[in-house]
Amino acid sequence: SGYSTIRDSVKGRFTLSRDNAKNT
C-alpha cells in the first residue's frame, strides 16, 4: 500500500520506490 519502514542507521538517507507495472 506504499507504507515504508526504514532501518534507523539509514533513515534519512535511503528511500524506496516501486513500479508495479514494471515489476520492479
PDBML (XML) file of the C-alpha atoms, coordinates in Angstrom:
<?xml version="1.0" encoding="UTF-8" ?>
<PDBx:datablock datablockName="MODEL"
   xmlns:PDBx="http://pdbml.pdb.org/schema/pdbx-v50.xsd"
   xmlns:xsi="http://www.w3.org/2001/XMLSchema-instance"
   xsi:schemaLocation="http://pdbml.pdb.org/schema/pdbx-v50.xsd pdbx-v50.xsd">
   <PDBx:atom_siteCategory>
      <PDBx:atom_site id="1">
         <PDBx:B_iso_or_equiv>0.00</PDBx:B_iso_or_equiv>
         <PDBx:Cartn_x>0.000</PDBx:Cartn_x>
         <PDBx:Cartn_y>0.000</PDBx:Cartn_y>
         <PDBx:Cartn_z>0.000</PDBx:Cartn_z>
         <PDBx:auth_asym_id>A</PDBx:auth_asym_id>
         <PDBx:auth_atom_id>CA</PDBx:auth_atom_id>
         <PDBx:auth_comp_id>SER</PDBx:auth_comp_id>
         <PDBx:auth_seq_id>1</PDBx:auth_seq_id>
         <PDBx:group_PDB>ATOM</PDBx:group_PDB>
         <PDBx:label_alt_id xsi:nil="true" />
         <PDBx:label_asym_id>A</PDBx:label_asym_id>
         <PDBx:label_atom_id>CA</PDBx:label_atom_id>
         <PDBx:label_comp_id>SER</PDBx:label_comp_id>
         <PDBx:label_entity_id>1</PDBx:label_entity_id>
         <PDBx:label_seq_id>1</PDBx:label_seq_id>
         <PDBx:occupancy>1.00</PDBx:occupancy>
         <PDBx:pdbx_PDB_model_num>1</PDBx:pdbx_PDB_model_num>
         <PDBx:type_symbol>C</PDBx:type_symbol>
      </PDBx:atom_site>
      <PDBx:atom_site id="2">
         <PDBx:B_iso_or_equiv>0.00</PDBx:B_iso_or_equiv>
         <PDBx:Cartn_x>3.055</PDBx:Cartn_x>
         <PDBx:Cartn_y>2.266</PDBx:Cartn_y>
         <PDBx:Cartn_z>-0.104</PDBx:Cartn_z>
         <PDBx:auth_asym_id>A</PDBx:auth_asym_id>
         <PDBx:auth_atom_id>CA</PDBx:auth_atom_id>
         <PDBx:auth_comp_id>GLY</PDBx:auth_comp_id>
         <PDBx:auth_seq_id>2</PDBx:auth_seq_id>
         <PDBx:group_PDB>ATOM</PDBx:group_PDB>
         <PDBx:label_alt_id xsi:nil="true" />
         <PDBx:label_asym_id>A</PDBx:label_asym_id>
         <PDBx:label_atom_id>CA</PDBx:label_atom_id>
         <PDBx:label_comp_id>GLY</PDBx:label_comp_id>
         <PDBx:label_entity_id>1</PDBx:label_entity_id>
         <PDBx:label_seq_id>2</PDBx:label_seq_id>
         <PDBx:occupancy>1.00</PDBx:occupancy>
         <PDBx:pdbx_PDB_model_num>1</PDBx:pdbx_PDB_model_num>
         <PDBx:type_symbol>C</PDBx:type_symbol>
      </PDBx:atom_site>
      <PDBx:atom_site id="3">
         <PDBx:B_iso_or_equiv>0.00</PDBx:B_iso_or_equiv>
         <PDBx:Cartn_x>3.979</PDBx:Cartn_x>
         <PDBx:Cartn_y>2.494</PDBx:Cartn_y>
         <PDBx:Cartn_z>3.565</PDBx:Cartn_z>
         <PDBx:auth_asym_id>A</PDBx:auth_asym_id>
         <PDBx:auth_atom_id>CA</PDBx:auth_atom_id>
         <PDBx:auth_comp_id>TYR</PDBx:auth_comp_id>
         <PDBx:auth_seq_id>3</PDBx:auth_seq_id>
         <PDBx:group_PDB>ATOM</PDBx:group_PDB>
         <PDBx:label_alt_id xsi:nil="true" />
         <PDBx:label_asym_id>A</PDBx:label_asym_id>
         <PDBx:label_atom_id>CA</PDBx:label_atom_id>
         <PDBx:label_comp_id>TYR</PDBx:label_comp_id>
         <PDBx:label_entity_id>1</PDBx:label_entity_id>
         <PDBx:label_seq_id>3</PDBx:label_seq_id>
         <PDBx:occupancy>1.00</PDBx:occupancy>
         <PDBx:pdbx_PDB_model_num>1</PDBx:pdbx_PDB_model_num>
         <PDBx:type_symbol>C</PDBx:type_symbol>
      </PDBx:atom_site>
      <PDBx:atom_site id="4">
         <PDBx:B_iso_or_equiv>0.00</PDBx:B_iso_or_equiv>
         <PDBx:Cartn_x>7.714</PDBx:Cartn_x>
         <PDBx:Cartn_y>2.390</PDBx:Cartn_y>
         <PDBx:Cartn_z>4.208</PDBx:Cartn_z>
         <PDBx:auth_asym_id>A</PDBx:auth_asym_id>
         <PDBx:auth_atom_id>CA</PDBx:auth_atom_id>
         <PDBx:auth_comp_id>SER</PDBx:auth_comp_id>
         <PDBx:auth_seq_id>4</PDBx:auth_seq_id>
         <PDBx:group_PDB>ATOM</PDBx:group_PDB>
         <PDBx:label_alt_id xsi:nil="true" />
         <PDBx:label_asym_id>A</PDBx:label_asym_id>
         <PDBx:label_atom_id>CA</PDBx:label_atom_id>
         <PDBx:label_comp_id>SER</PDBx:label_comp_id>
         <PDBx:label_entity_id>1</PDBx:label_entity_id>
         <PDBx:label_seq_id>4</PDBx:label_seq_id>
         <PDBx:occupancy>1.00</PDBx:occupancy>
         <PDBx:pdbx_PDB_model_num>1</PDBx:pdbx_PDB_model_num>
         <PDBx:type_symbol>C</PDBx:type_symbol>
      </PDBx:atom_site>
      <PDBx:atom_site id="5">
         <PDBx:B_iso_or_equiv>0.00</PDBx:B_iso_or_equiv>
         <PDBx:Cartn_x>9.747</PDBx:Cartn_x>
         <PDBx:Cartn_y>1.205</PDBx:Cartn_y>
         <PDBx:Cartn_z>7.173</PDBx:Cartn_z>
         <PDBx:auth_asym_id>A</PDBx:auth_asym_id>
         <PDBx:auth_atom_id>CA</PDBx:auth_atom_id>
         <PDBx:auth_comp_id>THR</PDBx:auth_comp_id>
         <PDBx:auth_seq_id>5</PDBx:auth_seq_id>
         <PDBx:group_PDB>ATOM</PDBx:group_PDB>
         <PDBx:label_alt_id xsi:nil="true" />
         <PDBx:label_asym_id>A</PDBx:label_asym_id>
         <PDBx:label_atom_id>CA</PDBx:label_atom_id>
         <PDBx:label_comp_id>THR</PDBx:label_comp_id>
         <PDBx:label_entity_id>1</PDBx:label_entity_id>
         <PDBx:label_seq_id>5</PDBx:label_seq_id>
         <PDBx:occupancy>1.00</PDBx:occupancy>
         <PDBx:pdbx_PDB_model_num>1</PDBx:pdbx_PDB_model_num>
         <PDBx:type_symbol>C</PDBx:type_symbol>
      </PDBx:atom_site>
      <PDBx:atom_site id="6">
         <PDBx:B_iso_or_equiv>0.00</PDBx:B_iso_or_equiv>
         <PDBx:Cartn_x>13.415</PDBx:Cartn_x>
         <PDBx:Cartn_y>2.184</PDBx:Cartn_y>
         <PDBx:Cartn_z>7.236</PDBx:Cartn_z>
         <PDBx:auth_asym_id>A</PDBx:auth_asym_id>
         <PDBx:auth_atom_id>CA</PDBx:auth_atom_id>
         <PDBx:auth_comp_id>ILE</PDBx:auth_comp_id>
         <PDBx:auth_seq_id>6</PDBx:auth_seq_id>
         <PDBx:group_PDB>ATOM</PDBx:group_PDB>
         <PDBx:label_alt_id xsi:nil="true" />
         <PDBx:label_asym_id>A</PDBx:label_asym_id>
         <PDBx:label_atom_id>CA</PDBx:label_atom_id>
         <PDBx:label_comp_id>ILE</PDBx:label_comp_id>
         <PDBx:label_entity_id>1</PDBx:label_entity_id>
         <PDBx:label_seq_id>6</PDBx:label_seq_id>
         <PDBx:occupancy>1.00</PDBx:occupancy>
         <PDBx:pdbx_PDB_model_num>1</PDBx:pdbx_PDB_model_num>
         <PDBx:type_symbol>C</PDBx:type_symbol>
      </PDBx:atom_site>
      <PDBx:atom_site id="7">
         <PDBx:B_iso_or_equiv>0.00</PDBx:B_iso_or_equiv>
         <PDBx:Cartn_x>16.211</PDBx:Cartn_x>
         <PDBx:Cartn_y>0.913</PDBx:Cartn_y>
         <PDBx:Cartn_z>9.481</PDBx:Cartn_z>
         <PDBx:auth_asym_id>A</PDBx:auth_asym_id>
         <PDBx:auth_atom_id>CA</PDBx:auth_atom_id>
         <PDBx:auth_comp_id>ARG</PDBx:auth_comp_id>
         <PDBx:auth_seq_id>7</PDBx:auth_seq_id>
         <PDBx:group_PDB>ATOM</PDBx:group_PDB>
         <PDBx:label_alt_id xsi:nil="true" />
         <PDBx:label_asym_id>A</PDBx:label_asym_id>
         <PDBx:label_atom_id>CA</PDBx:label_atom_id>
         <PDBx:label_comp_id>ARG</PDBx:label_comp_id>
         <PDBx:label_entity_id>1</PDBx:label_entity_id>
         <PDBx:label_seq_id>7</PDBx:label_seq_id>
         <PDBx:occupancy>1.00</PDBx:occupancy>
         <PDBx:pdbx_PDB_model_num>1</PDBx:pdbx_PDB_model_num>
         <PDBx:type_symbol>C</PDBx:type_symbol>
      </PDBx:atom_site>
      <PDBx:atom_site id="8">
         <PDBx:B_iso_or_equiv>0.00</PDBx:B_iso_or_equiv>
         <PDBx:Cartn_x>17.467</PDBx:Cartn_x>
         <PDBx:Cartn_y>3.658</PDBx:Cartn_y>
         <PDBx:Cartn_z>11.824</PDBx:Cartn_z>
         <PDBx:auth_asym_id>A</PDBx:auth_asym_id>
         <PDBx:auth_atom_id>CA</PDBx:auth_atom_id>
         <PDBx:auth_comp_id>ASP</PDBx:auth_comp_id>
         <PDBx:auth_seq_id>8</PDBx:auth_seq_id>
         <PDBx:group_PDB>ATOM</PDBx:group_PDB>
         <PDBx:label_alt_id xsi:nil="true" />
         <PDBx:label_asym_id>A</PDBx:label_asym_id>
         <PDBx:label_atom_id>CA</PDBx:label_atom_id>
         <PDBx:label_comp_id>ASP</PDBx:label_comp_id>
         <PDBx:label_entity_id>1</PDBx:label_entity_id>
         <PDBx:label_seq_id>8</PDBx:label_seq_id>
         <PDBx:occupancy>1.00</PDBx:occupancy>
         <PDBx:pdbx_PDB_model_num>1</PDBx:pdbx_PDB_model_num>
         <PDBx:type_symbol>C</PDBx:type_symbol>
      </PDBx:atom_site>
      <PDBx:atom_site id="9">
         <PDBx:B_iso_or_equiv>0.00</PDBx:B_iso_or_equiv>
         <PDBx:Cartn_x>21.040</PDBx:Cartn_x>
         <PDBx:Cartn_y>3.520</PDBx:Cartn_y>
         <PDBx:Cartn_z>10.524</PDBx:Cartn_z>
         <PDBx:auth_asym_id>A</PDBx:auth_asym_id>
         <PDBx:auth_atom_id>CA</PDBx:auth_atom_id>
         <PDBx:auth_comp_id>SER</PDBx:auth_comp_id>
         <PDBx:auth_seq_id>9</PDBx:auth_seq_id>
         <PDBx:group_PDB>ATOM</PDBx:group_PDB>
         <PDBx:label_alt_id xsi:nil="true" />
         <PDBx:label_asym_id>A</PDBx:label_asym_id>
         <PDBx:label_atom_id>CA</PDBx:label_atom_id>
         <PDBx:label_comp_id>SER</PDBx:label_comp_id>
         <PDBx:label_entity_id>1</PDBx:label_entity_id>
         <PDBx:label_seq_id>9</PDBx:label_seq_id>
         <PDBx:occupancy>1.00</PDBx:occupancy>
         <PDBx:pdbx_PDB_model_num>1</PDBx:pdbx_PDB_model_num>
         <PDBx:type_symbol>C</PDBx:type_symbol>
      </PDBx:atom_site>
      <PDBx:atom_site id="10">
         <PDBx:B_iso_or_equiv>0.00</PDBx:B_iso_or_equiv>
         <PDBx:Cartn_x>19.935</PDBx:Cartn_x>
         <PDBx:Cartn_y>4.536</PDBx:Cartn_y>
         <PDBx:Cartn_z>7.029</PDBx:Cartn_z>
         <PDBx:auth_asym_id>A</PDBx:auth_asym_id>
         <PDBx:auth_atom_id>CA</PDBx:auth_atom_id>
         <PDBx:auth_comp_id>VAL</PDBx:auth_comp_id>
         <PDBx:auth_seq_id>10</PDBx:auth_seq_id>
         <PDBx:group_PDB>ATOM</PDBx:group_PDB>
         <PDBx:label_alt_id xsi:nil="true" />
         <PDBx:label_asym_id>A</PDBx:label_asym_id>
         <PDBx:label_atom_id>CA</PDBx:label_atom_id>
         <PDBx:label_comp_id>VAL</PDBx:label_comp_id>
         <PDBx:label_entity_id>1</PDBx:label_entity_id>
         <PDBx:label_seq_id>10</PDBx:label_seq_id>
         <PDBx:occupancy>1.00</PDBx:occupancy>
         <PDBx:pdbx_PDB_model_num>1</PDBx:pdbx_PDB_model_num>
         <PDBx:type_symbol>C</PDBx:type_symbol>
      </PDBx:atom_site>
      <PDBx:atom_site id="11">
         <PDBx:B_iso_or_equiv>0.00</PDBx:B_iso_or_equiv>
         <PDBx:Cartn_x>16.864</PDBx:Cartn_x>
         <PDBx:Cartn_y>6.596</PDBx:Cartn_y>
         <PDBx:Cartn_z>7.822</PDBx:Cartn_z>
         <PDBx:auth_asym_id>A</PDBx:auth_asym_id>
         <PDBx:auth_atom_id>CA</PDBx:auth_atom_id>
         <PDBx:auth_comp_id>LYS</PDBx:auth_comp_id>
         <PDBx:auth_seq_id>11</PDBx:auth_seq_id>
         <PDBx:group_PDB>ATOM</PDBx:group_PDB>
         <PDBx:label_alt_id xsi:nil="true" />
         <PDBx:label_asym_id>A</PDBx:label_asym_id>
         <PDBx:label_atom_id>CA</PDBx:label_atom_id>
         <PDBx:label_comp_id>LYS</PDBx:label_comp_id>
         <PDBx:label_entity_id>1</PDBx:label_entity_id>
         <PDBx:label_seq_id>11</PDBx:label_seq_id>
         <PDBx:occupancy>1.00</PDBx:occupancy>
         <PDBx:pdbx_PDB_model_num>1</PDBx:pdbx_PDB_model_num>
         <PDBx:type_symbol>C</PDBx:type_symbol>
      </PDBx:atom_site>
      <PDBx:atom_site id="12">
         <PDBx:B_iso_or_equiv>0.00</PDBx:B_iso_or_equiv>
         <PDBx:Cartn_x>17.003</PDBx:Cartn_x>
         <PDBx:Cartn_y>9.991</PDBx:Cartn_y>
         <PDBx:Cartn_z>6.153</PDBx:Cartn_z>
         <PDBx:auth_asym_id>A</PDBx:auth_asym_id>
         <PDBx:auth_atom_id>CA</PDBx:auth_atom_id>
         <PDBx:auth_comp_id>GLY</PDBx:auth_comp_id>
         <PDBx:auth_seq_id>12</PDBx:auth_seq_id>
         <PDBx:group_PDB>ATOM</PDBx:group_PDB>
         <PDBx:label_alt_id xsi:nil="true" />
         <PDBx:label_asym_id>A</PDBx:label_asym_id>
         <PDBx:label_atom_id>CA</PDBx:label_atom_id>
         <PDBx:label_comp_id>GLY</PDBx:label_comp_id>
         <PDBx:label_entity_id>1</PDBx:label_entity_id>
         <PDBx:label_seq_id>12</PDBx:label_seq_id>
         <PDBx:occupancy>1.00</PDBx:occupancy>
         <PDBx:pdbx_PDB_model_num>1</PDBx:pdbx_PDB_model_num>
         <PDBx:type_symbol>C</PDBx:type_symbol>
      </PDBx:atom_site>
      <PDBx:atom_site id="13">
         <PDBx:B_iso_or_equiv>0.00</PDBx:B_iso_or_equiv>
         <PDBx:Cartn_x>19.496</PDBx:Cartn_x>
         <PDBx:Cartn_y>8.725</PDBx:Cartn_y>
         <PDBx:Cartn_z>3.564</PDBx:Cartn_z>
         <PDBx:auth_asym_id>A</PDBx:auth_asym_id>
         <PDBx:auth_atom_id>CA</PDBx:auth_atom_id>
         <PDBx:auth_comp_id>ARG</PDBx:auth_comp_id>
         <PDBx:auth_seq_id>13</PDBx:auth_seq_id>
         <PDBx:group_PDB>ATOM</PDBx:group_PDB>
         <PDBx:label_alt_id xsi:nil="true" />
         <PDBx:label_asym_id>A</PDBx:label_asym_id>
         <PDBx:label_atom_id>CA</PDBx:label_atom_id>
         <PDBx:label_comp_id>ARG</PDBx:label_comp_id>
         <PDBx:label_entity_id>1</PDBx:label_entity_id>
         <PDBx:label_seq_id>13</PDBx:label_seq_id>
         <PDBx:occupancy>1.00</PDBx:occupancy>
         <PDBx:pdbx_PDB_model_num>1</PDBx:pdbx_PDB_model_num>
         <PDBx:type_symbol>C</PDBx:type_symbol>
      </PDBx:atom_site>
      <PDBx:atom_site id="14">
         <PDBx:B_iso_or_equiv>0.00</PDBx:B_iso_or_equiv>
         <PDBx:Cartn_x>17.725</PDBx:Cartn_x>
         <PDBx:Cartn_y>5.792</PDBx:Cartn_y>
         <PDBx:Cartn_z>1.897</PDBx:Cartn_z>
         <PDBx:auth_asym_id>A</PDBx:auth_asym_id>
         <PDBx:auth_atom_id>CA</PDBx:auth_atom_id>
         <PDBx:auth_comp_id>PHE</PDBx:auth_comp_id>
         <PDBx:auth_seq_id>14</PDBx:auth_seq_id>
         <PDBx:group_PDB>ATOM</PDBx:group_PDB>
         <PDBx:label_alt_id xsi:nil="true" />
         <PDBx:label_asym_id>A</PDBx:label_asym_id>
         <PDBx:label_atom_id>CA</PDBx:label_atom_id>
         <PDBx:label_comp_id>PHE</PDBx:label_comp_id>
         <PDBx:label_entity_id>1</PDBx:label_entity_id>
         <PDBx:label_seq_id>14</PDBx:label_seq_id>
         <PDBx:occupancy>1.00</PDBx:occupancy>
         <PDBx:pdbx_PDB_model_num>1</PDBx:pdbx_PDB_model_num>
         <PDBx:type_symbol>C</PDBx:type_symbol>
      </PDBx:atom_site>
      <PDBx:atom_site id="15">
         <PDBx:B_iso_or_equiv>0.00</PDBx:B_iso_or_equiv>
         <PDBx:Cartn_x>14.285</PDBx:Cartn_x>
         <PDBx:Cartn_y>5.804</PDBx:Cartn_y>
         <PDBx:Cartn_z>0.323</PDBx:Cartn_z>
         <PDBx:auth_asym_id>A</PDBx:auth_asym_id>
         <PDBx:auth_atom_id>CA</PDBx:auth_atom_id>
         <PDBx:auth_comp_id>THR</PDBx:auth_comp_id>
         <PDBx:auth_seq_id>15</PDBx:auth_seq_id>
         <PDBx:group_PDB>ATOM</PDBx:group_PDB>
         <PDBx:label_alt_id xsi:nil="true" />
         <PDBx:label_asym_id>A</PDBx:label_asym_id>
         <PDBx:label_atom_id>CA</PDBx:label_atom_id>
         <PDBx:label_comp_id>THR</PDBx:label_comp_id>
         <PDBx:label_entity_id>1</PDBx:label_entity_id>
         <PDBx:label_seq_id>15</PDBx:label_seq_id>
         <PDBx:occupancy>1.00</PDBx:occupancy>
         <PDBx:pdbx_PDB_model_num>1</PDBx:pdbx_PDB_model_num>
         <PDBx:type_symbol>C</PDBx:type_symbol>
      </PDBx:atom_site>
      <PDBx:atom_site id="16">
         <PDBx:B_iso_or_equiv>0.00</PDBx:B_iso_or_equiv>
         <PDBx:Cartn_x>12.185</PDBx:Cartn_x>
         <PDBx:Cartn_y>3.249</PDBx:Cartn_y>
         <PDBx:Cartn_z>-1.513</PDBx:Cartn_z>
         <PDBx:auth_asym_id>A</PDBx:auth_asym_id>
         <PDBx:auth_atom_id>CA</PDBx:auth_atom_id>
         <PDBx:auth_comp_id>LEU</PDBx:auth_comp_id>
         <PDBx:auth_seq_id>16</PDBx:auth_seq_id>
         <PDBx:group_PDB>ATOM</PDBx:group_PDB>
         <PDBx:label_alt_id xsi:nil="true" />
         <PDBx:label_asym_id>A</PDBx:label_asym_id>
         <PDBx:label_atom_id>CA</PDBx:label_atom_id>
         <PDBx:label_comp_id>LEU</PDBx:label_comp_id>
         <PDBx:label_entity_id>1</PDBx:label_entity_id>
         <PDBx:label_seq_id>16</PDBx:label_seq_id>
         <PDBx:occupancy>1.00</PDBx:occupancy>
         <PDBx:pdbx_PDB_model_num>1</PDBx:pdbx_PDB_model_num>
         <PDBx:type_symbol>C</PDBx:type_symbol>
      </PDBx:atom_site>
      <PDBx:atom_site id="17">
         <PDBx:B_iso_or_equiv>0.00</PDBx:B_iso_or_equiv>
         <PDBx:Cartn_x>10.043</PDBx:Cartn_x>
         <PDBx:Cartn_y>3.168</PDBx:Cartn_y>
         <PDBx:Cartn_z>-4.590</PDBx:Cartn_z>
         <PDBx:auth_asym_id>A</PDBx:auth_asym_id>
         <PDBx:auth_atom_id>CA</PDBx:auth_atom_id>
         <PDBx:auth_comp_id>SER</PDBx:auth_comp_id>
         <PDBx:auth_seq_id>17</PDBx:auth_seq_id>
         <PDBx:group_PDB>ATOM</PDBx:group_PDB>
         <PDBx:label_alt_id xsi:nil="true" />
         <PDBx:label_asym_id>A</PDBx:label_asym_id>
         <PDBx:label_atom_id>CA</PDBx:label_atom_id>
         <PDBx:label_comp_id>SER</PDBx:label_comp_id>
         <PDBx:label_entity_id>1</PDBx:label_entity_id>
         <PDBx:label_seq_id>17</PDBx:label_seq_id>
         <PDBx:occupancy>1.00</PDBx:occupancy>
         <PDBx:pdbx_PDB_model_num>1</PDBx:pdbx_PDB_model_num>
         <PDBx:type_symbol>C</PDBx:type_symbol>
      </PDBx:atom_site>
      <PDBx:atom_site id="18">
         <PDBx:B_iso_or_equiv>0.00</PDBx:B_iso_or_equiv>
         <PDBx:Cartn_x>8.295</PDBx:Cartn_x>
         <PDBx:Cartn_y>0.557</PDBx:Cartn_y>
         <PDBx:Cartn_z>-6.649</PDBx:Cartn_z>
         <PDBx:auth_asym_id>A</PDBx:auth_asym_id>
         <PDBx:auth_atom_id>CA</PDBx:auth_atom_id>
         <PDBx:auth_comp_id>ARG</PDBx:auth_comp_id>
         <PDBx:auth_seq_id>18</PDBx:auth_seq_id>
         <PDBx:group_PDB>ATOM</PDBx:group_PDB>
         <PDBx:label_alt_id xsi:nil="true" />
         <PDBx:label_asym_id>A</PDBx:label_asym_id>
         <PDBx:label_atom_id>CA</PDBx:label_atom_id>
         <PDBx:label_comp_id>ARG</PDBx:label_comp_id>
         <PDBx:label_entity_id>1</PDBx:label_entity_id>
         <PDBx:label_seq_id>18</PDBx:label_seq_id>
         <PDBx:occupancy>1.00</PDBx:occupancy>
         <PDBx:pdbx_PDB_model_num>1</PDBx:pdbx_PDB_model_num>
         <PDBx:type_symbol>C</PDBx:type_symbol>
      </PDBx:atom_site>
      <PDBx:atom_site id="19">
         <PDBx:B_iso_or_equiv>0.00</PDBx:B_iso_or_equiv>
         <PDBx:Cartn_x>6.903</PDBx:Cartn_x>
         <PDBx:Cartn_y>0.330</PDBx:Cartn_y>
         <PDBx:Cartn_z>-10.160</PDBx:Cartn_z>
         <PDBx:auth_asym_id>A</PDBx:auth_asym_id>
         <PDBx:auth_atom_id>CA</PDBx:auth_atom_id>
         <PDBx:auth_comp_id>ASP</PDBx:auth_comp_id>
         <PDBx:auth_seq_id>19</PDBx:auth_seq_id>
         <PDBx:group_PDB>ATOM</PDBx:group_PDB>
         <PDBx:label_alt_id xsi:nil="true" />
         <PDBx:label_asym_id>A</PDBx:label_asym_id>
         <PDBx:label_atom_id>CA</PDBx:label_atom_id>
         <PDBx:label_comp_id>ASP</PDBx:label_comp_id>
         <PDBx:label_entity_id>1</PDBx:label_entity_id>
         <PDBx:label_seq_id>19</PDBx:label_seq_id>
         <PDBx:occupancy>1.00</PDBx:occupancy>
         <PDBx:pdbx_PDB_model_num>1</PDBx:pdbx_PDB_model_num>
         <PDBx:type_symbol>C</PDBx:type_symbol>
      </PDBx:atom_site>
      <PDBx:atom_site id="20">
         <PDBx:B_iso_or_equiv>0.00</PDBx:B_iso_or_equiv>
         <PDBx:Cartn_x>4.322</PDBx:Cartn_x>
         <PDBx:Cartn_y>-2.431</PDBx:Cartn_y>
         <PDBx:Cartn_z>-10.141</PDBx:Cartn_z>
         <PDBx:auth_asym_id>A</PDBx:auth_asym_id>
         <PDBx:auth_atom_id>CA</PDBx:auth_atom_id>
         <PDBx:auth_comp_id>ASN</PDBx:auth_comp_id>
         <PDBx:auth_seq_id>20</PDBx:auth_seq_id>
         <PDBx:group_PDB>ATOM</PDBx:group_PDB>
         <PDBx:label_alt_id xsi:nil="true" />
         <PDBx:label_asym_id>A</PDBx:label_asym_id>
         <PDBx:label_atom_id>CA</PDBx:label_atom_id>
         <PDBx:label_comp_id>ASN</PDBx:label_comp_id>
         <PDBx:label_entity_id>1</PDBx:label_entity_id>
         <PDBx:label_seq_id>20</PDBx:label_seq_id>
         <PDBx:occupancy>1.00</PDBx:occupancy>
         <PDBx:pdbx_PDB_model_num>1</PDBx:pdbx_PDB_model_num>
         <PDBx:type_symbol>C</PDBx:type_symbol>
      </PDBx:atom_site>
      <PDBx:atom_site id="21">
         <PDBx:B_iso_or_equiv>0.00</PDBx:B_iso_or_equiv>
         <PDBx:Cartn_x>3.714</PDBx:Cartn_x>
         <PDBx:Cartn_y>-2.070</PDBx:Cartn_y>
         <PDBx:Cartn_z>-13.869</PDBx:Cartn_z>
         <PDBx:auth_asym_id>A</PDBx:auth_asym_id>
         <PDBx:auth_atom_id>CA</PDBx:auth_atom_id>
         <PDBx:auth_comp_id>ALA</PDBx:auth_comp_id>
         <PDBx:auth_seq_id>21</PDBx:auth_seq_id>
         <PDBx:group_PDB>ATOM</PDBx:group_PDB>
         <PDBx:label_alt_id xsi:nil="true" />
         <PDBx:label_asym_id>A</PDBx:label_asym_id>
         <PDBx:label_atom_id>CA</PDBx:label_atom_id>
         <PDBx:label_comp_id>ALA</PDBx:label_comp_id>
         <PDBx:label_entity_id>1</PDBx:label_entity_id>
         <PDBx:label_seq_id>21</PDBx:label_seq_id>
         <PDBx:occupancy>1.00</PDBx:occupancy>
         <PDBx:pdbx_PDB_model_num>1</PDBx:pdbx_PDB_model_num>
         <PDBx:type_symbol>C</PDBx:type_symbol>
      </PDBx:atom_site>
      <PDBx:atom_site id="22">
         <PDBx:B_iso_or_equiv>0.00</PDBx:B_iso_or_equiv>
         <PDBx:Cartn_x>7.350</PDBx:Cartn_x>
         <PDBx:Cartn_y>-2.993</PDBx:Cartn_y>
         <PDBx:Cartn_z>-14.495</PDBx:Cartn_z>
         <PDBx:auth_asym_id>A</PDBx:auth_asym_id>
         <PDBx:auth_atom_id>CA</PDBx:auth_atom_id>
         <PDBx:auth_comp_id>LYS</PDBx:auth_comp_id>
         <PDBx:auth_seq_id>22</PDBx:auth_seq_id>
         <PDBx:group_PDB>ATOM</PDBx:group_PDB>
         <PDBx:label_alt_id xsi:nil="true" />
         <PDBx:label_asym_id>A</PDBx:label_asym_id>
         <PDBx:label_atom_id>CA</PDBx:label_atom_id>
         <PDBx:label_comp_id>LYS</PDBx:label_comp_id>
         <PDBx:label_entity_id>1</PDBx:label_entity_id>
         <PDBx:label_seq_id>22</PDBx:label_seq_id>
         <PDBx:occupancy>1.00</PDBx:occupancy>
         <PDBx:pdbx_PDB_model_num>1</PDBx:pdbx_PDB_model_num>
         <PDBx:type_symbol>C</PDBx:type_symbol>
      </PDBx:atom_site>
      <PDBx:atom_site id="23">
         <PDBx:B_iso_or_equiv>0.00</PDBx:B_iso_or_equiv>
         <PDBx:Cartn_x>7.533</PDBx:Cartn_x>
         <PDBx:Cartn_y>-5.421</PDBx:Cartn_y>
         <PDBx:Cartn_z>-11.572</PDBx:Cartn_z>
         <PDBx:auth_asym_id>A</PDBx:auth_asym_id>
         <PDBx:auth_atom_id>CA</PDBx:auth_atom_id>
         <PDBx:auth_comp_id>ASN</PDBx:auth_comp_id>
         <PDBx:auth_seq_id>23</PDBx:auth_seq_id>
         <PDBx:group_PDB>ATOM</PDBx:group_PDB>
         <PDBx:label_alt_id xsi:nil="true" />
         <PDBx:label_asym_id>A</PDBx:label_asym_id>
         <PDBx:label_atom_id>CA</PDBx:label_atom_id>
         <PDBx:label_comp_id>ASN</PDBx:label_comp_id>
         <PDBx:label_entity_id>1</PDBx:label_entity_id>
         <PDBx:label_seq_id>23</PDBx:label_seq_id>
         <PDBx:occupancy>1.00</PDBx:occupancy>
         <PDBx:pdbx_PDB_model_num>1</PDBx:pdbx_PDB_model_num>
         <PDBx:type_symbol>C</PDBx:type_symbol>
      </PDBx:atom_site>
      <PDBx:atom_site id="24">
         <PDBx:B_iso_or_equiv>0.00</PDBx:B_iso_or_equiv>
         <PDBx:Cartn_x>10.481</PDBx:Cartn_x>
         <PDBx:Cartn_y>-3.501</PDBx:Cartn_y>
         <PDBx:Cartn_z>-10.138</PDBx:Cartn_z>
         <PDBx:auth_asym_id>A</PDBx:auth_asym_id>
         <PDBx:auth_atom_id>CA</PDBx:auth_atom_id>
         <PDBx:auth_comp_id>THR</PDBx:auth_comp_id>
         <PDBx:auth_seq_id>24</PDBx:auth_seq_id>
         <PDBx:group_PDB>ATOM</PDBx:group_PDB>
         <PDBx:label_alt_id xsi:nil="true" />
         <PDBx:label_asym_id>A</PDBx:label_asym_id>
         <PDBx:label_atom_id>CA</PDBx:label_atom_id>
         <PDBx:label_comp_id>THR</PDBx:label_comp_id>
         <PDBx:label_entity_id>1</PDBx:label_entity_id>
         <PDBx:label_seq_id>24</PDBx:label_seq_id>
         <PDBx:occupancy>1.00</PDBx:occupancy>
         <PDBx:pdbx_PDB_model_num>1</PDBx:pdbx_PDB_model_num>
         <PDBx:type_symbol>C</PDBx:type_symbol>
      </PDBx:atom_site>
   </PDBx:atom_siteCategory>
</PDBx:datablock>
